[in-house]
Amino acid sequence: MDLKFDEKGLIPAIVQDEKSGDVLMLAYMNEESVRRTLETGTTWFWSRSRSEFWNKGATSGNFQKVKKVMYDCDSDALLVIVEQSGEGACHTGAWSCFFRELKG
C-alpha cells in the first residue's frame, strides 16, 4: 500500500454517502482495517478508545456498503464512498455525525 499512516499506524477516513453526498462520519483505519474493508466490501475501522476493530453496522444493522475508496494527494487521508443502510451512520441515531453547527 502506498498510504502514509501516522506514528500510531492510523489514517483518517472520511465516509461519504454515495447518493446524497453527505459526509457521514470520520473514523480511523489501520493497514488491517483497510485490507478488511477492501476484502469484505463493508467498512472496518480501528477504535482508538477500545483498541479493537469494528465493522460499521455489526451491532446497529446500519451497514456501509463500500462503493469506492479514494486517497488524497499526500496519501495520508482516505475518502470512503458508501451506500449507507438503515437509520444512518451516527451512534446517536442521526443520519450523519455532522449534525451540529459551530457558531461564533
C-alpha atoms as a PDB file:
ATOM      1  CA  MET A   1       0.000   0.000   0.000  1.00  0.00           C
ATOM      2  CA  ASP A   2       1.205   3.484  -0.814  1.00  0.00           C
ATOM      3  CA  LEU A   3      -0.677   5.022   2.116  1.00  0.00           C
ATOM      4  CA  LYS A   4       1.018   7.102   4.804  1.00  0.00           C
ATOM      5  CA  PHE A   5      -0.127   6.049   8.251  1.00  0.00           C
ATOM      6  CA  ASP A   6       0.667   8.227  11.282  1.00  0.00           C
ATOM      7  CA  GLU A   7       3.015   7.293  14.129  1.00  0.00           C
ATOM      8  CA  LYS A   8       0.239   5.171  15.672  1.00  0.00           C
ATOM      9  CA  GLY A   9      -0.301   3.328  12.389  1.00  0.00           C
ATOM     10  CA  LEU A  10      -3.592   5.117  11.642  1.00  0.00           C
ATOM     11  CA  ILE A  11      -5.042   7.082   8.760  1.00  0.00           C
ATOM     12  CA  PRO A  12      -8.208   9.250   8.934  1.00  0.00           C
ATOM     13  CA  ALA A  13     -11.116   8.004   6.826  1.00  0.00           C
ATOM     14  CA  ILE A  14     -13.896  10.377   5.829  1.00  0.00           C
ATOM     15  CA  VAL A  15     -17.061   8.450   4.962  1.00  0.00           C
ATOM     16  CA  GLN A  16     -19.443   9.969   2.405  1.00  0.00           C
ATOM     17  CA  ASP A  17     -22.844   8.781   1.226  1.00  0.00           C
ATOM     18  CA  GLU A  18     -22.838   7.930  -2.477  1.00  0.00           C
ATOM     19  CA  LYS A  19     -26.364   9.190  -3.223  1.00  0.00           C
ATOM     20  CA  SER A  20     -26.713  12.342  -1.123  1.00  0.00           C
ATOM     21  CA  GLY A  21     -23.069  13.388  -0.987  1.00  0.00           C
ATOM     22  CA  ASP A  22     -23.445  13.870   2.785  1.00  0.00           C
ATOM     23  CA  VAL A  23     -20.322  13.477   4.882  1.00  0.00           C
ATOM     24  CA  LEU A  24     -21.454  10.771   7.294  1.00  0.00           C
ATOM     25  CA  MET A  25     -18.559  10.320   9.671  1.00  0.00           C
ATOM     26  CA  LEU A  26     -14.856  10.439  10.333  1.00  0.00           C
ATOM     27  CA  ALA A  27     -13.096   7.385  11.726  1.00  0.00           C
ATOM     28  CA  TYR A  28      -9.630   5.884  11.683  1.00  0.00           C
ATOM     29  CA  MET A  29      -8.229   2.889   9.871  1.00  0.00           C
ATOM     30  CA  ASN A  30      -5.002   0.980  10.184  1.00  0.00           C
ATOM     31  CA  GLU A  31      -3.492  -1.222   7.497  1.00  0.00           C
ATOM     32  CA  GLU A  32      -5.546  -4.245   8.592  1.00  0.00           C
ATOM     33  CA  SER A  33      -8.870  -2.377   8.644  1.00  0.00           C
ATOM     34  CA  VAL A  34      -8.152  -1.010   5.156  1.00  0.00           C
ATOM     35  CA  ARG A  35      -7.487  -4.582   3.999  1.00  0.00           C
ATOM     36  CA  ARG A  36     -10.689  -5.867   5.651  1.00  0.00           C
ATOM     37  CA  THR A  37     -12.709  -3.040   4.087  1.00  0.00           C
ATOM     38  CA  LEU A  38     -11.414  -3.807   0.607  1.00  0.00           C
ATOM     39  CA  GLU A  39     -11.888  -7.579   1.025  1.00  0.00           C
ATOM     40  CA  THR A  40     -15.389  -7.535   2.561  1.00  0.00           C
ATOM     41  CA  GLY A  41     -16.920  -4.522   0.822  1.00  0.00           C
ATOM     42  CA  THR A  42     -18.116  -3.076   4.155  1.00  0.00           C
ATOM     43  CA  THR A  43     -16.340  -0.525   6.314  1.00  0.00           C
ATOM     44  CA  TRP A  44     -13.948  -1.628   9.046  1.00  0.00           C
ATOM     45  CA  PHE A  45     -12.307   0.817  11.410  1.00  0.00           C
ATOM     46  CA  TRP A  46      -9.876   0.833  14.311  1.00  0.00           C
ATOM     47  CA  SER A  47     -11.390   2.064  17.573  1.00  0.00           C
ATOM     48  CA  ARG A  48      -8.838   4.283  19.294  1.00  0.00           C
ATOM     49  CA  SER A  49     -10.772   4.213  22.585  1.00  0.00           C
ATOM     50  CA  ARG A  50     -11.347   0.437  22.696  1.00  0.00           C
ATOM     51  CA  SER A  51      -8.206  -0.614  20.795  1.00  0.00           C
ATOM     52  CA  GLU A  52     -10.150  -3.035  18.610  1.00  0.00           C
ATOM     53  CA  PHE A  53     -11.539  -3.413  15.105  1.00  0.00           C
ATOM     54  CA  TRP A  54     -15.175  -2.604  14.439  1.00  0.00           C
ATOM     55  CA  ASN A  55     -17.271  -3.355  11.424  1.00  0.00           C
ATOM     56  CA  LYS A  56     -19.719  -0.474  10.972  1.00  0.00           C
ATOM     57  CA  GLY A  57     -23.233  -1.830  11.334  1.00  0.00           C
ATOM     58  CA  ALA A  58     -22.346  -5.111  13.064  1.00  0.00           C
ATOM     59  CA  THR A  59     -24.268  -4.115  16.200  1.00  0.00           C
ATOM     60  CA  SER A  60     -26.642  -1.439  14.814  1.00  0.00           C
ATOM     61  CA  GLY A  61     -27.534  -3.026  11.480  1.00  0.00           C
ATOM     62  CA  ASN A  62     -26.640   0.260   9.763  1.00  0.00           C
ATOM     63  CA  PHE A  63     -24.006  -1.162   7.429  1.00  0.00           C
ATOM     64  CA  GLN A  64     -21.965   0.759   4.909  1.00  0.00           C
ATOM     65  CA  LYS A  65     -21.523  -0.939   1.536  1.00  0.00           C
ATOM     66  CA  VAL A  66     -18.282   0.354   0.061  1.00  0.00           C
ATOM     67  CA  LYS A  67     -18.541   1.736  -3.456  1.00  0.00           C
ATOM     68  CA  LYS A  68     -15.100   3.314  -3.755  1.00  0.00           C
ATOM     69  CA  VAL A  69     -12.069   4.132  -1.609  1.00  0.00           C
ATOM     70  CA  MET A  70     -10.045   7.162  -2.638  1.00  0.00           C
ATOM     71  CA  TYR A  71      -6.902   8.595  -1.105  1.00  0.00           C
ATOM     72  CA  ASP A  72      -5.685  12.172  -1.179  1.00  0.00           C
ATOM     73  CA  CYS A  73      -2.689  13.678  -2.964  1.00  0.00           C
ATOM     74  CA  ASP A  74      -0.464  13.268   0.112  1.00  0.00           C
ATOM     75  CA  SER A  75      -1.616   9.646   0.642  1.00  0.00           C
ATOM     76  CA  ASP A  76      -2.423  10.431   4.287  1.00  0.00           C
ATOM     77  CA  ALA A  77      -6.245  10.548   4.276  1.00  0.00           C
ATOM     78  CA  LEU A  78      -8.994   8.350   2.845  1.00  0.00           C
ATOM     79  CA  LEU A  79     -12.385   9.152   1.373  1.00  0.00           C
ATOM     80  CA  VAL A  80     -14.700   6.150   1.549  1.00  0.00           C
ATOM     81  CA  ILE A  81     -17.783   6.420  -0.655  1.00  0.00           C
ATOM     82  CA  VAL A  82     -20.547   4.174   0.666  1.00  0.00           C
ATOM     83  CA  GLU A  83     -24.147   3.140   0.310  1.00  0.00           C
ATOM     84  CA  GLN A  84     -25.413   3.769   3.842  1.00  0.00           C
ATOM     85  CA  SER A  85     -28.145   1.426   5.056  1.00  0.00           C
ATOM     86  CA  GLY A  86     -30.573   1.727   7.941  1.00  0.00           C
ATOM     87  CA  GLU A  87     -31.105   4.826  10.038  1.00  0.00           C
ATOM     88  CA  GLY A  88     -27.708   6.332   9.354  1.00  0.00           C
ATOM     89  CA  ALA A  89     -24.072   6.429  10.344  1.00  0.00           C
ATOM     90  CA  CYS A  90     -24.050   8.149  13.735  1.00  0.00           C
ATOM     91  CA  HIS A  91     -24.197   6.208  17.006  1.00  0.00           C
ATOM     92  CA  THR A  92     -26.691   8.863  18.242  1.00  0.00           C
ATOM     93  CA  GLY A  93     -29.214   7.707  15.658  1.00  0.00           C
ATOM     94  CA  ALA A  94     -28.611  10.666  13.338  1.00  0.00           C
ATOM     95  CA  TRP A  95     -28.031  10.147   9.618  1.00  0.00           C
ATOM     96  CA  SER A  96     -24.650  11.888   9.822  1.00  0.00           C
ATOM     97  CA  CYS A  97     -22.274  12.503  12.720  1.00  0.00           C
ATOM     98  CA  PHE A  98     -22.035  16.089  11.440  1.00  0.00           C
ATOM     99  CA  PHE A  99     -25.378  17.499  12.550  1.00  0.00           C
ATOM    100  CA  ARG A 100     -24.234  20.312  14.868  1.00  0.00           C
ATOM    101  CA  GLU A 101     -23.136  23.731  13.666  1.00  0.00           C
ATOM    102  CA  LEU A 102     -20.382  25.665  15.403  1.00  0.00           C
ATOM    103  CA  LYS A 103     -21.286  29.338  15.598  1.00  0.00           C
ATOM    104  CA  GLY A 104     -19.051  32.177  16.708  1.00  0.00           C
END
